Amino acid sequence: MQVIHSEYKACNASSPISTHTTGNDSITINTHGHHFFVCGVPGHCQSGQKVDINVLRSPSPMPSLSAPLPPPAAPSPSPSAAPPSLQLRCLLPNLLLLYLFITIFA
């Protein structure tokens, strides 16, 4: 869920700017500045499942990678009260960061 800064700080997902619930969502960020995302599953944001993406106005030159990045490891199952589909949705911020890293450095 994309939220405003005050909701990000408070882990409040009651009034999101946008929601992403399929587990296979793509997000395009077209503006510079901070973009805040939290997991909407109760307790997940408080456990750190949130991300602040800061898009710089003029990015500095990025070094090129000599080898492709290895694929991310599959998350290990955890004894959680949330169903697996909700757990996957909360991986969105981490996957988004990985996608941005690959896109910038590719």
C-alpha atoms as a PDB file:
ATOM      1  CA  MET A   1       0.000   0.000   0.000  1.00  0.00           C
ATOM      2  CA  GLN A   2       1.311   3.421  -0.861  1.00  0.00           C
ATOM      3  CA  VAL A   3       0.756   5.939   1.931  1.00  0.00           C
ATOM      4  CA  ILE A   4       1.682   9.494   2.884  1.00  0.00           C
ATOM      5  CA  HIS A   5       4.655  10.181   5.179  1.00  0.00           C
ATOM      6  CA  SER A   6       2.669  10.557   8.417  1.00  0.00           C
ATOM      7  CA  GLU A   7       0.874   7.238   7.797  1.00  0.00           C
ATOM      8  CA  TYR A   8       4.218   5.598   6.949  1.00  0.00           C
ATOM      9  CA  LYS A   9       5.730   6.778  10.249  1.00  0.00           C
ATOM     10  CA  ALA A  10       2.674   5.603  12.205  1.00  0.00           C
ATOM     11  CA  CYS A  11       2.261   2.337  10.237  1.00  0.00           C
ATOM     12  CA  ASN A  12      -1.289   3.408   9.457  1.00  0.00           C
ATOM     13  CA  ALA A  13      -2.693   1.725   6.362  1.00  0.00           C
ATOM     14  CA  SER A  14      -6.293   2.898   6.814  1.00  0.00           C
ATOM     15  CA  SER A  15      -6.189   5.560   4.043  1.00  0.00           C
ATOM     16  CA  PRO A  16      -3.731   4.378   1.383  1.00  0.00           C
ATOM     17  CA  ILE A  17      -2.973   6.410  -1.735  1.00  0.00           C
ATOM     18  CA  SER A  18      -2.996   3.125  -3.662  1.00  0.00           C
ATOM     19  CA  THR A  19      -3.183  -0.580  -2.923  1.00  0.00           C
ATOM     20  CA  HIS A  20      -1.400  -3.483  -4.584  1.00  0.00           C
ATOM     21  CA  THR A  21      -2.980  -6.817  -3.752  1.00  0.00           C
ATOM     22  CA  THR A  22      -2.273  -9.337  -6.518  1.00  0.00           C
ATOM     23  CA  GLY A  23       1.211 -10.296  -5.352  1.00  0.00           C
ATOM     24  CA  ASN A  24       2.379  -9.594  -8.902  1.00  0.00           C
ATOM     25  CA  ASP A  25       1.938  -5.824  -9.042  1.00  0.00           C
ATOM     26  CA  SER A  26       4.202  -3.412 -10.904  1.00  0.00           C
ATOM     27  CA  ILE A  27       4.623   0.144  -9.732  1.00  0.00           C
ATOM     28  CA  THR A  28       5.960   2.920 -11.945  1.00  0.00           C
ATOM     29  CA  ILE A  29       7.316   5.957 -10.146  1.00  0.00           C
ATOM     30  CA  ASN A  30       7.371   9.023 -12.399  1.00  0.00           C
ATOM     31  CA  THR A  31       8.203  11.734  -9.881  1.00  0.00           C
ATOM     32  CA  HIS A  32      11.212  12.533  -7.744  1.00  0.00           C
ATOM     33  CA  GLY A  33      11.032  12.609  -3.958  1.00  0.00           C
ATOM     34  CA  HIS A  34       9.960  10.132  -1.302  1.00  0.00           C
ATOM     35  CA  HIS A  35       7.420   7.406  -2.011  1.00  0.00           C
ATOM     36  CA  PHE A  36       6.200   5.483   1.041  1.00  0.00           C
ATOM     37  CA  PHE A  37       4.902   1.908   1.052  1.00  0.00           C
ATOM     38  CA  VAL A  38       3.709  -0.249   3.961  1.00  0.00           C
ATOM     39  CA  CYS A  39       2.386  -3.778   4.322  1.00  0.00           C
ATOM     40  CA  GLY A  40      -1.309  -3.669   5.204  1.00  0.00           C
ATOM     41  CA  VAL A  41      -1.345  -6.950   7.154  1.00  0.00           C
ATOM     42  CA  PRO A  42      -1.763  -6.125  10.861  1.00  0.00           C
ATOM     43  CA  GLY A  43       1.586  -6.130  12.669  1.00  0.00           C
ATOM     44  CA  HIS A  44       3.749  -6.439   9.555  1.00  0.00           C
ATOM     45  CA  CYS A  45       4.560  -2.742   9.205  1.00  0.00           C
ATOM     46  CA  GLN A  46       5.430  -2.536  12.906  1.00  0.00           C
ATOM     47  CA  SER A  47       7.818  -5.449  12.268  1.00  0.00           C
ATOM     48  CA  GLY A  48       9.600  -3.419   9.591  1.00  0.00           C
ATOM     49  CA  GLN A  49       7.764  -4.396   6.406  1.00  0.00           C
ATOM     50  CA  LYS A  50       7.692  -0.906   4.971  1.00  0.00           C
ATOM     51  CA  VAL A  51       9.884   1.042   2.558  1.00  0.00           C
ATOM     52  CA  ASP A  52      10.699   4.684   1.796  1.00  0.00           C
ATOM     53  CA  ILE A  53      11.864   5.016  -1.828  1.00  0.00           C
ATOM     54  CA  ASN A  54      13.615   8.327  -2.482  1.00  0.00           C
ATOM     55  CA  VAL A  55      13.895   9.107  -6.194  1.00  0.00           C
ATOM     56  CA  LEU A  56      16.628  11.677  -6.749  1.00  0.00           C
ATOM     57  CA  ARG A  57      16.089  14.642  -9.060  1.00  0.00           C
ATOM     58  CA  SER A  58      19.398  14.132 -10.952  1.00  0.00           C
ATOM     59  CA  PRO A  59      20.852  10.706 -10.412  1.00  0.00           C
ATOM     60  CA  SER A  60      24.628  10.490 -10.452  1.00  0.00           C
ATOM     61  CA  PRO A  61      26.274   8.141 -12.954  1.00  0.00           C
ATOM     62  CA  MET A  62      25.953   4.529 -11.892  1.00  0.00           C
ATOM     63  CA  PRO A  63      28.759   1.993 -12.208  1.00  0.00           C
ATOM     64  CA  SER A  64      28.093  -0.850 -14.608  1.00  0.00           C
ATOM     65  CA  LEU A  65      27.822  -4.383 -13.307  1.00  0.00           C
ATOM     66  CA  SER A  66      30.248  -6.930 -14.687  1.00  0.00           C
ATOM     67  CA  ALA A  67      27.991  -9.905 -13.941  1.00  0.00           C
ATOM     68  CA  PRO A  68      24.227 -10.292 -13.583  1.00  0.00           C
ATOM     69  CA  LEU A  69      22.799 -10.387 -10.094  1.00  0.00           C
ATOM     70  CA  PRO A  70      21.850 -13.823  -8.749  1.00  0.00           C
ATOM     71  CA  PRO A  71      18.120 -14.489  -8.399  1.00  0.00           C
ATOM     72  CA  PRO A  72      16.726 -13.719  -4.931  1.00  0.00           C
ATOM     73  CA  ALA A  73      16.396 -16.658  -2.567  1.00  0.00           C
ATOM     74  CA  ALA A  74      12.881 -17.880  -1.927  1.00  0.00           C
ATOM     75  CA  PRO A  75      11.588 -16.795   1.487  1.00  0.00           C
ATOM     76  CA  SER A  76      11.444 -19.575   4.023  1.00  0.00           C
ATOM     77  CA  PRO A  77       8.022 -20.384   5.456  1.00  0.00           C
ATOM     78  CA  SER A  78       7.326 -18.761   8.780  1.00  0.00           C
ATOM     79  CA  PRO A  79       4.735 -19.657  11.389  1.00  0.00           C
ATOM     80  CA  SER A  80       2.505 -16.653  10.845  1.00  0.00           C
ATOM     81  CA  ALA A  81      -1.204 -16.140  11.301  1.00  0.00           C
ATOM     82  CA  ALA A  82      -1.401 -14.443   7.881  1.00  0.00           C
ATOM     83  CA  PRO A  83      -2.211 -16.694   4.909  1.00  0.00           C
ATOM     84  CA  PRO A  84       0.617 -17.185   2.362  1.00  0.00           C
ATOM     85  CA  SER A  85      -1.026 -14.878  -0.190  1.00  0.00           C
ATOM     86  CA  LEU A  86      -0.925 -11.996   2.305  1.00  0.00           C
ATOM     87  CA  GLN A  87       2.689 -12.777   3.205  1.00  0.00           C
ATOM     88  CA  LEU A  88       3.649 -12.512  -0.473  1.00  0.00           C
ATOM     89  CA  ARG A  89       1.945  -9.150  -0.796  1.00  0.00           C
ATOM     90  CA  CYS A  90       4.148  -7.822   1.968  1.00  0.00           C
ATOM     91  CA  LEU A  91       7.256  -8.721  -0.006  1.00  0.00           C
ATOM     92  CA  LEU A  92       6.319  -5.991  -2.507  1.00  0.00           C
ATOM     93  CA  PRO A  93       8.580  -3.301  -0.997  1.00  0.00           C
ATOM     94  CA  ASN A  94      11.597  -5.650  -0.992  1.00  0.00           C
ATOM     95  CA  LEU A  95      10.909  -6.833  -4.526  1.00  0.00           C
ATOM     96  CA  LEU A  96      10.374  -3.243  -5.660  1.00  0.00           C
ATOM     97  CA  LEU A  97      13.773  -2.263  -4.293  1.00  0.00           C
ATOM     98  CA  LEU A  98      15.383  -5.227  -6.058  1.00  0.00           C
ATOM     99  CA  TYR A  99      13.651  -4.248  -9.316  1.00  0.00           C
ATOM    100  CA  LEU A 100      14.812  -0.628  -8.970  1.00  0.00           C
ATOM    101  CA  PHE A 101      18.374  -1.776  -8.252  1.00  0.00           C
ATOM    102  CA  ILE A 102      18.404  -4.060 -11.291  1.00  0.00           C
ATOM    103  CA  THR A 103      16.829  -1.382 -13.488  1.00  0.00           C
ATOM    104  CA  ILE A 104      19.295   1.307 -12.418  1.00  0.00           C
ATOM    105  CA  PHE A 105      22.380  -0.872 -12.713  1.00  0.00           C
ATOM    106  CA  ALA A 106      21.365  -2.827 -15.833  1.00  0.00           C
END
